[in-house]
Every structure is written in structure tokens, then in C-alpha cells.
Protein backbone atom coordinates (compact mmCIF):
# COMPACT_ATOMS: atom_id res chain seq x y z
CA MET A 1 -21.84 -19.71 -3.79
CA LYS A 2 -20.51 -22.90 -4.72
CA GLN A 3 -17.43 -22.01 -5.95
CA MET A 4 -16.76 -19.02 -3.70
CA ILE A 5 -16.87 -21.78 -0.87
CA LEU A 6 -14.46 -23.95 -3.08
CA ARG A 7 -12.12 -21.37 -3.10
CA LEU A 8 -11.90 -20.95 -0.01
CA LEU A 9 -11.42 -24.54 0.94
CA ALA A 10 -8.87 -23.76 -1.38
CA LEU A 11 -7.49 -20.83 0.64
CA ALA A 12 -7.28 -22.99 4.12
CA LEU A 13 -5.51 -25.55 2.61
CA CYS A 14 -2.82 -23.12 1.49
CA LEU A 15 -2.79 -21.00 4.55
CA ALA A 16 -1.73 -24.61 5.85
CA LEU A 17 0.85 -25.21 3.83
CA PRO A 18 4.54 -24.43 4.68
CA GLY A 19 5.87 -21.49 3.16
CA MET A 20 2.62 -20.28 1.45
CA GLY A 21 -0.17 -17.93 2.25
CA ALA A 22 -0.63 -17.05 5.57
CA LEU A 23 2.80 -17.99 8.10
CA ALA A 24 3.37 -21.49 8.89
CA GLU A 25 2.62 -21.89 12.64
CA ALA A 26 5.64 -22.35 14.21
CA PRO A 27 6.72 -25.76 15.61
CA ALA A 28 7.38 -27.15 19.31
CA ILE A 29 10.75 -26.58 20.28
CA PRO A 30 12.17 -27.56 23.40
CA GLU A 31 14.26 -25.58 25.34
CA GLY A 32 17.78 -25.38 24.73
CA GLU A 33 20.26 -23.49 21.70
CA TYR A 34 20.39 -24.59 17.90
CA ALA A 35 21.64 -23.81 14.47
CA PRO A 36 18.44 -22.95 12.40
CA ASP A 37 17.69 -24.96 9.71
CA GLY A 38 17.45 -21.38 7.50
CA PHE A 39 17.86 -17.81 7.79
CA THR A 40 17.37 -15.48 4.52
CA PHE A 41 17.23 -11.66 4.88
CA SER A 42 15.68 -9.02 2.47
CA GLY A 43 16.09 -5.50 2.46
CA GLY A 44 19.11 -2.72 2.75
CA THR A 45 21.49 -1.66 0.06
CA GLY A 46 23.28 -5.07 -0.60
CA LYS A 47 26.34 -4.02 1.53
CA VAL A 48 25.44 -5.10 4.54
CA THR A 49 24.65 -8.96 5.25
CA ILE A 50 22.95 -10.70 8.41
CA SER A 51 23.30 -13.74 9.59
CA CYS A 52 21.87 -16.09 12.59
CA PRO A 53 23.77 -18.70 13.96
CA ALA A 54 22.23 -19.68 16.76
CA ILE A 55 18.68 -19.14 18.38
CA THR A 56 17.87 -19.95 22.08
CA VAL A 57 14.60 -21.28 23.28
CA GLU A 58 13.86 -20.57 27.21
CA ASN A 59 10.37 -20.44 29.23
CA GLY A 60 8.55 -20.82 25.84
CA ALA A 61 10.23 -17.61 24.44
CA VAL A 62 12.75 -17.64 21.64
CA THR A 63 15.39 -15.35 21.34
CA ALA A 64 17.61 -14.98 17.96
CA THR A 65 21.15 -13.77 17.70
CA LEU A 66 21.87 -11.70 14.45
CA VAL A 67 25.19 -10.53 13.34
CA PHE A 68 25.26 -8.16 10.94
CA SER A 69 28.73 -7.75 8.85
CA SER A 70 29.60 -4.11 10.05
CA PRO A 71 30.67 -2.49 13.12
CA ASN A 72 28.44 0.40 12.84
CA TYR A 73 25.37 -0.33 13.74
CA PRO A 74 24.50 0.69 17.65
CA THR A 75 20.78 -0.50 17.99
CA VAL A 76 18.28 -2.91 16.02
CA THR A 77 14.26 -2.22 17.03
CA VAL A 78 11.79 -4.55 16.92
CA ASP A 79 8.48 -4.12 17.54
CA GLY A 80 9.17 -0.78 18.43
CA VAL A 81 11.55 -1.49 21.30
CA ALA A 82 15.31 -1.14 20.54
CA TYR A 83 18.16 -3.50 20.95
CA THR A 84 21.70 -2.70 21.52
CA ALA A 85 24.74 -4.20 19.80
CA THR A 86 27.58 -5.75 21.09
CA HIS A 87 30.45 -5.01 18.89
CA GLU A 88 33.08 -7.11 17.63
CA GLU A 89 35.84 -5.82 15.25
CA LYS A 90 34.05 -6.15 11.97
CA ASN A 91 30.87 -7.12 13.22
CA SER A 92 27.42 -5.70 15.36
CA VAL A 93 25.51 -8.46 17.46
CA PHE A 94 22.05 -8.34 18.70
CA VAL A 95 19.95 -11.08 20.54
CA ILE A 96 17.06 -10.13 20.15
CA PRO A 97 13.05 -11.60 20.52
CA ALA A 98 12.39 -13.80 17.37
CA LYS A 99 9.58 -15.97 16.01
CA VAL A 100 10.32 -19.26 13.83
CA ASN A 101 9.11 -20.01 10.09
CA GLU A 102 7.78 -16.65 9.24
CA ASP A 103 8.82 -13.31 8.31
CA MET A 104 9.78 -10.53 10.89
CA THR A 105 10.60 -6.87 10.49
CA VAL A 106 13.41 -5.37 12.17
CA VAL A 107 14.90 -1.99 11.85
CA GLY A 108 18.80 -1.57 11.87
CA THR A 109 20.50 1.99 13.08
CA THR A 110 23.56 2.85 10.83
CA THR A 111 26.01 5.33 11.91
CA ALA A 112 28.03 4.77 9.14
CA MET A 113 26.58 8.09 7.44
CA SER A 114 26.61 11.44 8.21
CA GLN A 115 24.09 10.87 10.36
CA PRO A 116 22.36 7.64 12.12
CA HIS A 117 19.81 6.11 9.76
CA ASP A 118 17.31 3.93 9.84
CA ILE A 119 17.60 0.87 7.46
CA GLU A 120 14.39 -1.57 7.58
CA TYR A 121 14.86 -5.69 6.97
CA THR A 122 12.51 -8.70 6.67
CA ILE A 123 14.30 -11.65 8.33
CA HIS A 124 13.13 -15.76 8.20
CA ILE A 125 14.31 -18.14 10.50
CA TRP A 126 13.78 -21.52 9.00
CA MET A 127 13.46 -24.74 12.47
CA GLY A 128 11.99 -28.02 11.72
CA GLN A 129 10.95 -27.09 8.00
CA THR A 130 13.59 -26.98 4.77
CA PRO A 131 14.38 -23.74 3.75
CA PRO A 132 13.12 -23.06 0.18
CA GLU A 133 15.81 -22.68 -2.66
CA ALA A 134 17.79 -19.77 -3.02
CA VAL A 135 17.01 -17.98 -6.15
CA PRO A 136 18.49 -15.20 -7.58
CA GLU A 137 16.48 -12.39 -7.62
CA ASP A 138 16.41 -11.39 -10.88
CA GLU A 139 13.40 -11.60 -13.42
CA ASP A 140 15.21 -12.13 -16.31
CA ASP A 141 16.97 -15.52 -14.47
CA ALA A 142 13.80 -17.78 -15.88
CA PRO A 143 14.40 -21.61 -15.72
CA ALA A 144 16.30 -22.84 -18.89
CA GLU A 145 13.55 -25.15 -19.81
CA ARG A 146 11.59 -23.50 -22.74
CA VAL A 147 9.61 -24.96 -25.08
CA ALA A 148 9.36 -21.91 -27.94
CA VAL A 149 6.10 -21.75 -30.57
CA ALA A 150 6.63 -20.23 -33.61
CA LEU A 151 4.02 -17.52 -33.56
CA ASP A 152 3.38 -17.02 -36.94
CA ASP A 153 2.29 -20.38 -37.06
CA ARG A 154 -0.25 -19.62 -34.15
CA GLU A 155 -3.84 -21.45 -33.97
CA LYS A 156 -6.46 -18.30 -34.46
CA GLU A 157 -9.21 -20.20 -34.86
CA LEU A 158 -11.45 -19.98 -31.68
CA PRO A 159 -15.20 -21.35 -31.31
CA GLY A 160 -18.00 -19.47 -32.19
CA LEU A 161 -15.65 -15.92 -33.03
CA THR A 162 -14.42 -14.58 -36.06
CA TRP A 163 -11.10 -13.67 -36.64
CA GLN A 164 -10.88 -9.95 -38.23
CA SER A 165 -7.35 -8.73 -38.11
CA GLU A 166 -3.94 -9.08 -35.95
CA MET A 167 -1.91 -6.21 -34.21
CA PRO A 168 0.98 -4.83 -36.41
CA LEU A 169 4.29 -5.57 -34.61
CA LYS A 170 8.09 -3.81 -35.54
CA TYR A 171 10.34 -5.49 -33.24
CA ALA A 172 8.72 -7.96 -30.83
CA HIS A 173 8.97 -11.56 -31.71
CA GLU A 174 7.65 -12.80 -28.05
CA PHE A 175 3.80 -12.27 -28.44
CA ALA A 176 0.96 -11.83 -30.88
CA VAL A 177 -2.66 -10.24 -30.34
CA ASP A 178 -5.33 -11.51 -32.60
CA TYR A 179 -8.92 -9.30 -32.83
CA TYR A 180 -12.48 -11.30 -33.37
CA GLU A 181 -15.53 -9.56 -33.81
CA GLY A 182 -17.36 -8.36 -30.39
CA GLY A 183 -14.32 -6.95 -29.28
CA TYR A 184 -12.54 -10.60 -28.48
CA LYS A 185 -8.74 -10.62 -28.17
CA LEU A 186 -6.49 -13.55 -27.94
CA LEU A 187 -2.81 -12.80 -26.47
CA THR A 188 -0.70 -15.73 -27.75
CA ILE A 189 2.89 -15.84 -26.19
CA GLY A 190 6.34 -17.58 -27.38
CA ASP A 191 6.03 -20.09 -24.47
CA GLY A 192 2.57 -21.54 -26.40
CA ASN A 193 0.51 -19.77 -23.62
CA ARG A 194 -2.67 -18.21 -24.48
CA TYR A 195 -5.28 -15.76 -23.39
CA LEU A 196 -8.77 -14.42 -24.33
CA VAL A 197 -9.66 -10.96 -23.35
CA VAL A 198 -13.13 -11.19 -23.26
CA PRO A 199 -14.94 -7.55 -23.42
CA GLU A 200 -17.10 -6.39 -20.96
CA GLY A 201 -20.45 -7.30 -20.93
CA GLY A 202 -19.32 -10.64 -23.36
CA ASP A 203 -19.47 -14.59 -22.14
CA ALA A 204 -16.36 -16.47 -22.97
CA PRO A 205 -17.08 -18.77 -26.37
CA GLY A 206 -18.04 -22.47 -25.18
CA GLY A 207 -16.03 -25.07 -26.57
CA LEU A 208 -12.47 -23.12 -26.01
CA ASP A 209 -9.53 -25.14 -25.84
CA GLY A 210 -8.66 -26.28 -21.99
CA GLY A 211 -5.54 -24.44 -22.64
CA VAL A 212 -6.90 -20.78 -23.23
CA LYS A 213 -7.12 -18.70 -20.12
CA ILE A 214 -9.34 -15.84 -19.52
CA ILE A 215 -8.99 -12.13 -18.67
CA ARG A 216 -11.83 -10.26 -18.28
CA GLN A 217 -12.71 -6.42 -18.95
CA PRO A 218 -12.57 -3.96 -17.43
CA LEU A 219 -9.03 -5.15 -15.58
CA LYS A 220 -9.44 -3.87 -11.99
CA ASN A 221 -7.91 -5.22 -8.57
CA VAL A 222 -4.65 -7.23 -11.04
CA TYR A 223 -1.70 -8.03 -9.35
CA LEU A 224 0.92 -7.41 -10.48
CA ALA A 225 4.60 -9.05 -9.40
CA ALA A 226 6.32 -8.55 -12.71
CA THR A 227 8.14 -5.49 -12.07
CA ALA A 228 9.18 -5.01 -15.56
CA ALA A 229 5.45 -4.69 -16.62
CA MET A 230 4.77 -1.43 -14.60
CA ALA A 231 6.17 1.13 -16.37
CA LEU A 232 4.58 -0.31 -19.41
CA PHE A 233 0.94 -0.01 -17.43
CA ASP A 234 1.93 3.53 -16.71
CA ALA A 235 3.13 4.77 -20.12
CA VAL A 236 -0.91 4.33 -21.25
CA ASP A 237 -2.03 5.49 -17.80
CA GLY A 238 -3.12 1.89 -16.96
CA LEU A 239 -2.20 1.96 -13.39
CA ASP A 240 -5.74 2.41 -11.90
CA ALA A 241 -6.08 -1.80 -13.32
CA ILE A 242 -3.17 -2.53 -10.73
CA THR A 243 -4.08 -2.42 -7.27
CA LEU A 244 -1.89 -5.10 -5.71
CA SER A 245 2.05 -5.27 -5.80
CA GLY A 246 4.47 -7.93 -5.70
CA THR A 247 7.20 -4.96 -4.64
CA GLN A 248 7.11 -3.05 -1.68
CA ALA A 249 6.70 1.01 -2.11
CA ASP A 250 10.50 1.15 -0.95
CA GLY A 251 11.31 -1.02 -4.09
CA TRP A 252 9.99 0.98 -6.39
CA TYR A 253 11.80 3.52 -8.72
CA ILE A 254 8.45 4.41 -10.85
CA GLU A 255 6.68 7.63 -9.53
CA ASN A 256 3.49 6.87 -10.36
CA ALA A 257 3.50 3.55 -8.58
CA ALA A 258 5.73 4.75 -5.74
CA ALA A 259 2.39 7.46 -4.85
CA ALA A 260 -0.49 4.64 -5.46
CA MET A 261 1.17 2.59 -2.85
CA GLU A 262 1.71 5.75 -0.38
CA ARG A 263 -1.83 6.61 -0.99
CA GLY A 264 -3.64 2.97 -0.88
CA ASP A 265 -4.23 3.25 -3.80
CA MET A 266 -2.05 -0.10 -4.48
CA LEU A 267 -1.36 -2.08 -1.75
CA TYR A 268 1.43 -4.94 -1.30
CA ALA A 269 0.58 -8.19 -1.50
CA GLY A 270 3.41 -10.20 -0.94
CA LYS A 271 6.33 -11.00 -3.24
CA TYR A 272 5.96 -13.54 -6.24
CA SER A 273 7.39 -16.70 -4.18
CA ALA A 274 4.66 -16.12 -1.02
CA PRO A 275 1.66 -14.10 -2.45
CA ASP A 276 -1.40 -12.98 0.32
CA TYR A 277 -3.53 -15.02 -1.08
CA GLU A 278 -6.06 -14.09 1.51
CA LEU A 279 -5.76 -10.40 0.26
CA LEU A 280 -6.04 -11.13 -3.52
CA MET A 281 -9.04 -13.15 -2.55
CA GLY A 282 -10.47 -10.08 -0.17
CA MET A 283 -10.09 -8.05 -3.35
CA GLY A 284 -11.20 -10.33 -5.88
CA CYS A 285 -8.11 -10.28 -7.83
CA PRO A 286 -8.82 -12.04 -11.37
CA LEU A 287 -5.42 -11.85 -12.60
CA ALA A 288 -1.83 -12.14 -11.48
CA ILE A 289 0.97 -11.09 -13.86
CA GLU A 290 4.27 -12.59 -13.32
CA SER A 291 7.61 -12.44 -14.40
CA THR A 292 9.43 -15.88 -15.45
CA MET A 293 10.70 -16.19 -11.56
CA ILE A 294 7.47 -17.89 -10.81
CA LEU A 295 8.66 -20.67 -13.00
CA HIS A 296 10.64 -21.65 -10.08
CA THR A 297 7.72 -21.95 -7.85
CA PRO A 298 5.20 -23.62 -9.52
CA LYS A 299 2.87 -25.05 -6.41
CA VAL A 300 2.39 -20.95 -6.08
CA GLN A 301 1.42 -20.61 -9.64
CA GLU A 302 -1.17 -23.73 -9.17
CA MET A 303 -2.49 -22.34 -6.02
CA LEU A 304 -3.16 -19.14 -7.61
CA GLU A 305 -4.86 -21.05 -10.40
CA GLN A 306 -6.68 -23.03 -7.93
CA LEU A 307 -8.37 -19.71 -6.50
CA GLY A 308 -9.78 -18.27 -9.99
CA VAL A 309 -6.77 -16.17 -10.53
CA THR A 310 -5.40 -16.26 -13.82
CA VAL A 311 -1.71 -16.34 -14.53
CA PHE A 312 -0.11 -14.08 -17.26
CA ILE A 313 3.43 -15.02 -17.08
CA GLU A 314 5.10 -12.06 -19.35
CA HIS A 315 8.38 -13.29 -21.47
CA SER A 316 9.67 -9.84 -22.58
CA SER A 317 13.42 -10.95 -21.33
CA TYR A 318 13.51 -13.40 -24.06
CA GLU A 319 13.06 -10.49 -26.54
CA SER A 320 16.40 -10.37 -28.66
CA HIS A 321 15.67 -6.60 -29.64
CA PRO A 322 15.67 -3.98 -26.94
CA LEU A 323 12.76 -2.09 -28.37
CA GLY A 324 10.66 -5.67 -28.81
CA ARG A 325 10.76 -5.66 -25.06
CA THR A 326 9.14 -2.07 -24.85
CA GLU A 327 6.75 -2.91 -27.34
CA TRP A 328 5.31 -5.09 -24.93
CA VAL A 329 3.58 -1.82 -24.10
CA LYS A 330 1.24 -2.41 -26.72
CA LEU A 331 0.25 -6.28 -24.82
CA TYR A 332 -0.90 -4.38 -22.35
CA ALA A 333 -2.79 -1.92 -23.40
CA ALA A 334 -4.50 -4.34 -25.44
CA MET A 335 -6.02 -5.74 -22.06
CA LEU A 336 -7.11 -1.91 -21.61
CA ASN A 337 -8.48 -1.08 -24.89
CA ARG A 338 -5.61 1.31 -25.27
CA GLU A 339 -4.08 0.15 -28.41
CA GLU A 340 -3.44 3.87 -29.92
CA GLN A 341 -1.92 5.47 -27.06
CA ALA A 342 0.57 2.82 -26.79
CA ALA A 343 1.35 3.08 -30.44
CA ALA A 344 2.23 6.58 -30.14
CA PHE A 345 4.09 6.12 -27.43
CA PHE A 346 5.81 3.32 -28.64
CA ASP A 347 6.82 4.98 -31.93
CA ASP A 348 8.32 8.00 -29.83
CA GLN A 349 11.18 5.60 -27.92
CA ALA A 350 11.66 3.76 -31.63
CA LYS A 351 13.04 7.36 -33.03
CA VAL A 352 16.32 6.72 -31.61
CA ILE A 353 16.88 3.86 -33.74
CA ASP A 354 16.25 6.39 -37.01
CA GLU A 355 18.73 8.59 -35.02
CA LEU A 356 21.73 5.86 -35.06
CA LYS A 357 20.99 4.15 -38.05
CA ASP A 358 23.60 5.97 -40.01
CA PHE A 359 26.06 5.57 -36.83
CA THR A 360 29.31 4.03 -37.42
CA ASN A 361 30.11 1.49 -35.01
CA THR A 362 33.03 2.37 -32.61
CA GLU A 363 34.12 -1.30 -32.47
CA LYS A 364 34.49 -0.43 -28.97
CA LYS A 365 34.33 -4.05 -26.43
CA VAL A 366 31.97 -3.24 -23.51
CA ALA A 367 30.98 -5.76 -20.60
CA PHE A 368 27.78 -5.88 -18.67
CA PHE A 369 27.44 -7.57 -15.67
CA TYR A 370 27.07 -7.93 -11.59
CA VAL A 371 29.40 -9.94 -9.27
CA SER A 372 26.98 -12.13 -7.19
CA THR A 373 27.33 -12.65 -3.18
CA ASP A 374 29.16 -16.13 -3.98
CA GLY A 375 32.01 -14.27 -6.17
CA SER A 376 30.70 -15.25 -9.47
CA VAL A 377 29.80 -13.41 -12.43
CA VAL A 378 26.33 -12.89 -13.80
CA VAL A 379 26.28 -11.55 -17.17
CA ARG A 380 23.91 -11.47 -20.38
CA GLY A 381 23.63 -14.49 -22.90
CA ALA A 382 24.10 -13.78 -26.78
CA GLY A 383 21.71 -12.34 -28.45
CA ASP A 384 19.82 -11.05 -25.25
CA TYR A 385 18.32 -7.55 -25.61
CA VAL A 386 20.95 -5.75 -23.53
CA ALA A 387 23.46 -7.27 -25.68
CA GLY A 388 21.41 -5.85 -28.81
CA MET A 389 21.73 -2.43 -26.71
CA ILE A 390 25.06 -2.02 -26.88
CA GLU A 391 25.23 -3.06 -30.57
CA LEU A 392 22.98 -0.56 -31.56
CA ALA A 393 24.61 2.35 -29.61
CA GLY A 394 27.76 1.43 -31.06
CA GLY A 395 29.72 -0.95 -29.06
CA ARG A 396 30.28 -4.75 -29.35
CA TYR A 397 29.44 -7.29 -26.89
CA ILE A 398 32.13 -9.30 -25.29
CA PHE A 399 29.93 -12.01 -24.99
CA ASN A 400 28.40 -12.15 -28.46
CA ASP A 401 30.50 -14.95 -30.25
CA THR A 402 31.22 -16.67 -27.32
CA ALA A 403 29.20 -19.96 -27.66
CA ALA A 404 29.14 -20.91 -24.35
CA LEU A 405 26.71 -18.23 -23.47
CA ASP A 406 24.13 -19.13 -26.16
CA SER A 407 21.93 -19.94 -23.58
CA ALA A 408 18.26 -20.09 -23.48
CA ARG A 409 18.85 -17.99 -20.23
CA ALA A 410 18.83 -14.28 -20.87
CA ALA A 411 21.24 -14.42 -17.45
CA VAL A 412 24.14 -16.49 -17.15
CA THR A 413 26.51 -17.55 -14.48
CA ILE A 414 30.16 -17.73 -14.82
CA SER A 415 32.95 -17.50 -12.79
CA MET A 416 35.32 -14.70 -12.01
CA GLU A 417 38.15 -16.59 -13.65
CA ASP A 418 36.01 -17.14 -17.20
CA PHE A 419 34.79 -13.44 -16.87
CA TYR A 420 38.47 -12.22 -16.08
CA ALA A 421 39.69 -14.26 -19.51
CA ALA A 422 36.79 -12.59 -21.39
CA ALA A 423 36.58 -9.29 -20.45
CA VAL A 424 40.09 -8.17 -18.79
CA ASP A 425 40.84 -6.14 -22.37
CA ALA A 426 37.57 -4.81 -22.32
CA ASP A 427 37.64 -0.83 -23.49
CA TYR A 428 34.02 -0.28 -20.65
CA LEU A 429 32.44 -2.33 -17.99
CA ILE A 430 29.13 -1.58 -17.02
CA TYR A 431 27.99 -2.36 -13.84
CA ASN A 432 24.36 -3.88 -13.37
CA ALA A 433 23.22 -2.34 -10.22
CA SER A 434 19.33 -3.26 -10.96
CA ILE A 435 20.22 -6.72 -9.67
CA ASP A 436 23.04 -5.57 -6.94
CA ALA A 437 23.81 -2.48 -5.16
CA PRO A 438 25.07 0.34 -7.23
CA LEU A 439 28.53 1.23 -7.25
CA ASN A 440 29.75 4.61 -6.45
CA SER A 441 33.44 4.30 -6.65
CA LEU A 442 36.38 2.24 -8.09
CA GLU A 443 36.74 1.40 -4.80
CA ASP A 444 33.44 -0.46 -4.44
CA LEU A 445 34.05 -2.76 -7.47
CA LEU A 446 37.78 -3.29 -6.09
CA ALA A 447 35.99 -4.59 -3.35
CA LYS A 448 34.19 -7.49 -4.96
CA SER A 449 37.60 -9.04 -6.67
CA ALA A 450 41.05 -7.66 -6.69
CA LEU A 451 41.34 -9.25 -9.81
CA PHE A 452 39.62 -6.14 -11.47
CA ALA A 453 42.64 -3.95 -11.02
CA ASP A 454 44.02 -5.65 -13.98
CA PHE A 455 41.09 -4.64 -15.95
CA LYS A 456 42.22 -2.51 -18.78
CA ALA A 457 39.03 -0.39 -18.53
CA VAL A 458 39.60 -0.29 -14.32
CA LYS A 459 42.74 1.35 -15.68
CA GLU A 460 41.73 4.11 -18.07
CA GLY A 461 38.77 4.51 -16.11
CA ASN A 462 36.21 3.83 -17.86
CA VAL A 463 33.72 2.22 -15.56
CA TRP A 464 29.97 2.77 -15.13
CA SER A 465 27.53 1.45 -13.28
CA THR A 466 23.58 1.43 -13.94
CA ASP A 467 20.97 2.63 -11.10
CA LYS A 468 18.29 0.82 -9.53
CA TYR A 469 15.71 2.36 -11.40
CA LEU A 470 17.17 0.46 -14.96
CA TYR A 471 15.18 -2.57 -14.73
CA GLN A 472 12.13 -1.10 -14.01
CA ALA A 473 12.40 1.06 -16.76
CA THR A 474 11.25 -1.01 -19.80
CA ASP A 475 9.42 1.67 -21.21
CA ILE A 476 12.13 4.15 -22.18
CA VAL A 477 14.95 1.44 -23.11
CA GLY A 478 16.08 3.90 -26.33
CA GLU A 479 17.18 6.54 -23.60
CA LEU A 480 19.55 3.76 -22.26
CA ILE A 481 20.87 3.19 -25.93
CA THR A 482 21.36 6.64 -25.96
CA ASP A 483 23.60 6.98 -22.97
CA ILE A 484 25.64 3.87 -23.91
CA ASN A 485 26.21 5.79 -27.28
CA HIS A 486 27.39 8.87 -25.53
CA MET A 487 29.43 6.55 -22.95
CA LEU A 488 31.22 4.86 -26.38
CA THR A 489 31.86 8.53 -28.01
CA GLY A 490 32.91 10.66 -24.82
CA GLN A 491 29.97 12.59 -24.30
CA MET A 492 29.72 12.50 -20.84
CA GLU A 493 26.49 14.99 -20.10
CA GLY A 494 22.80 13.95 -19.87
CA MET A 495 22.94 10.62 -19.12
CA THR A 496 19.70 8.89 -17.67
CA PHE A 497 20.38 5.21 -16.53
CA ILE A 498 24.21 5.17 -16.24
CA HIS A 499 26.94 6.80 -14.51
CA ARG A 500 30.59 6.84 -14.51
CA LEU A 501 33.15 5.58 -11.32
């Protein structure tokens, strides 16, 4: 009871902190017209942006001016009420009732398609508060500072437990699993974090190093904010352990995850940077599986841990071999006691390497990238697993020999000018639409920068785009390697993840 009271007190504290837990109470704003201190939005395809140049406070009510960067939005609906646009040459302008310092849902109706289509957006107007630093929604974009540990030299001795064996791994180098008598397992991650899996009915041994975190079986009511891990849980029939999602239903491209949310078996519990602490507490969430994006919001991690939630940060994006990332299925299976199922699944994916081992490299140069809204280009660092896929498939990743991109980050931002210099003569361009909106034509690419007209791959029609599902499909990266091989060898049929523009 004492522990629960302390957790609830901590919850009350977090709900009082701006930007954490429940939505912060709006400050008292005198009547008048103001420019917001900040404005953010999410949702849609990424082709249309929304801005909020002004809010007005009158008789205690707040209205906001929203500007959509398209003239094809006749109405926006807020709380069931439709508001009509004032159209400019390139924009649709609305004045709607608004709230400040909390998320709002608005539904824009667009006529740009063959039939009117409703698109849901989440907006946030900041007043009297400093907006959080904008962070790219790329789960591979972790802070560069990272202390790696040599897993071969990891500490295996635990007080009161007898070590038995370790999990055999073929490609993964960012985790290790050690087995102990009584069903205990120690998970060691490449950044030095350690997690002890305690079997059902067992107790955590006394005298443990304070840095060893506890994961108790049976695993249930997990909050999964690392989208790349969902497919691996799904591969071993482990979705029943996950009832709380950091991604909304329309953001899942994994069929079973989307279906679970539609049935209500899995609930949206807020994104990684703003989890619904009250829901997590109400569900008795014991474990949050986070991507390295959580490292951008350390206060959130601290609050979760204060509430008794073990925070597990997965580092599969640091694997240099693409199948190393898929091999993380074995780690999640260890949490669920489904190691045999994971091993069989992984062996099927690894067969693609055997099929390509005698393949002669085409020496074709390949760029893998996307263009940010500010015009910069995000590419993969040298030695990254995506670069590994290209090499395994028979291509040469254009940045493999670029020392400037030998970064601790998997995703590296460079200027368009630097990208032009490196990739203008690339044989193939692959646009990473798992982060940005998919491209449907070469015109979509040229709209991002007229410089692309000079690229060899554009002139020769060798521009490809991934689908949105790619990033979540960590379970079947072998199929992406096969896709790239088919692209390089002119086999256009049977693609799973990429399509030609």
C-alpha cells in the first residue's frame, strides 16, 4: 500500500509538470491577439503542412487561425462542428475554437482526391511555455553519445544464481542472453544496461547491483513505444503481452497490431515523449519497451521509473549486419520463454544470405535517403545495417567510404549540396518513405529539390521508393535484401518493400 501511495504521489507530480502526462492547464491569457510561442502538428501524409500564425482571446474564449498549405481544404471539423475555409491562392485558412498547451484533434476535409477525404491531425498550440526541441520521428536517430561495452567481457556472475549457458547468436552484436538455474535470464545490451528476467513465482535475488533492472514473468500489459520491436513480438505470437501502444492504430502497418487495436486488445497510451501515465498505472504496466528516441526525453524515462515501470531501451538499430537486427527476435522471445520459436523463425530469414553468398557484386552505386522539411538530406551512416543490406544485395552504398559519415548515429543529416556531390552519379536512388511520405512519381522527388534533375539515376529512371511498412518490418529484412538484389539485376516482379517511380 505504501508503495502504491508513493507511486500515486509521483503521478500527481508528473501531471503537474508541463508537457508530461495529463495536459497542462492553460495559463490565464488577457484578451487580445497573439502569436503562439510554438505550434506543432502531426498526422496526414506529410504533403500538407499546417501553421498557426495567431490566436485570439475574447470573452474568455480562444480561437486560432490555422493555415493549410493547400487550397483544397474546404472545411475543418472540431468536436463535430465543421468550419469553412477562406481560400487563398495556395492555402486554406480557418478560424476555429482552440485550446492552448494541450493536444487537439481536428479533421480536415480535402477535395484533392477523386472524392472528398477526411484526414485527422493532432495540433498543439504553445502559450506561456517553451515548446520542446523538435526531434525527428526517426527511431534510428539516437543521441550520438553512447558508451558501448564489450559484451564478450560482460559480467555474468549474479548473487544467489548459478550461471548455466548463453544464447548462441549468429549476427547480432548488441545484446547477449545468459541463462541461470531456476529459469532466470540476464539480458545485457550493448550500451551496458542489464535486465534480469525473473520467472513466474520467483523472487529477485538479494544483493543485486542497483544497475540491474527487473523484468518479471509472465509478461503482460507491456507499453511498446519502439515500433521496430512490434513485428518481432508478432513473429513469436507475443502480441498478447502488449496491451499498450505508443503508436495509434492508423500508424501500424503490422496487420495483427492494427487488428488488436481495433478490437481494443491494445490501447493507445501516448507517444514515447508524452505517455499517458495514468493509463499505464491503471493497467499495472510493468515494462516500457522504448527506442533510443527516449534518450531525447530523459525526464520521461525518469518519471516512468519513478512509477515503478522498468524501461527497456532497444538498440537494434546499432547492428551493423541487417540480420543482426532481425536476430533481436531471440531477445524478445527470451522474455516470453519462446526461444525455440524465435530460432526457427530467424533461420528462415537467414536463408537469404545463403542464397546470395555466391552472387557477384554488380558494383552499382546506391543512395538511400530522405529529404527533411528544411531541405537537408538524411542518409545512413557508414557501417549501418541499411548499408549492409545494399552490399549483401550486390550494390555499393555511396557513403561507405565517406569518413564524415562514420558516425555513432545510424541516421546522419547532411546538406543538399553535400548529397548532390556524393550521389549525383549514383546508379540508383532509394527514397526512405518509412520516415517521410512515399513518393509516387519522379515529379514528387523533383518537387523536393530541382537539383535532382541532374542526377544520373533520375535521368535513367532508376529511382525507387520504400513503402511506409519498411521500418516496422524488422522481422523480414531478408525480403528487402532480395528486393534490392532484384532492383540491381532488373527483376521487376515480386517486390515486397520498394517500388520504382
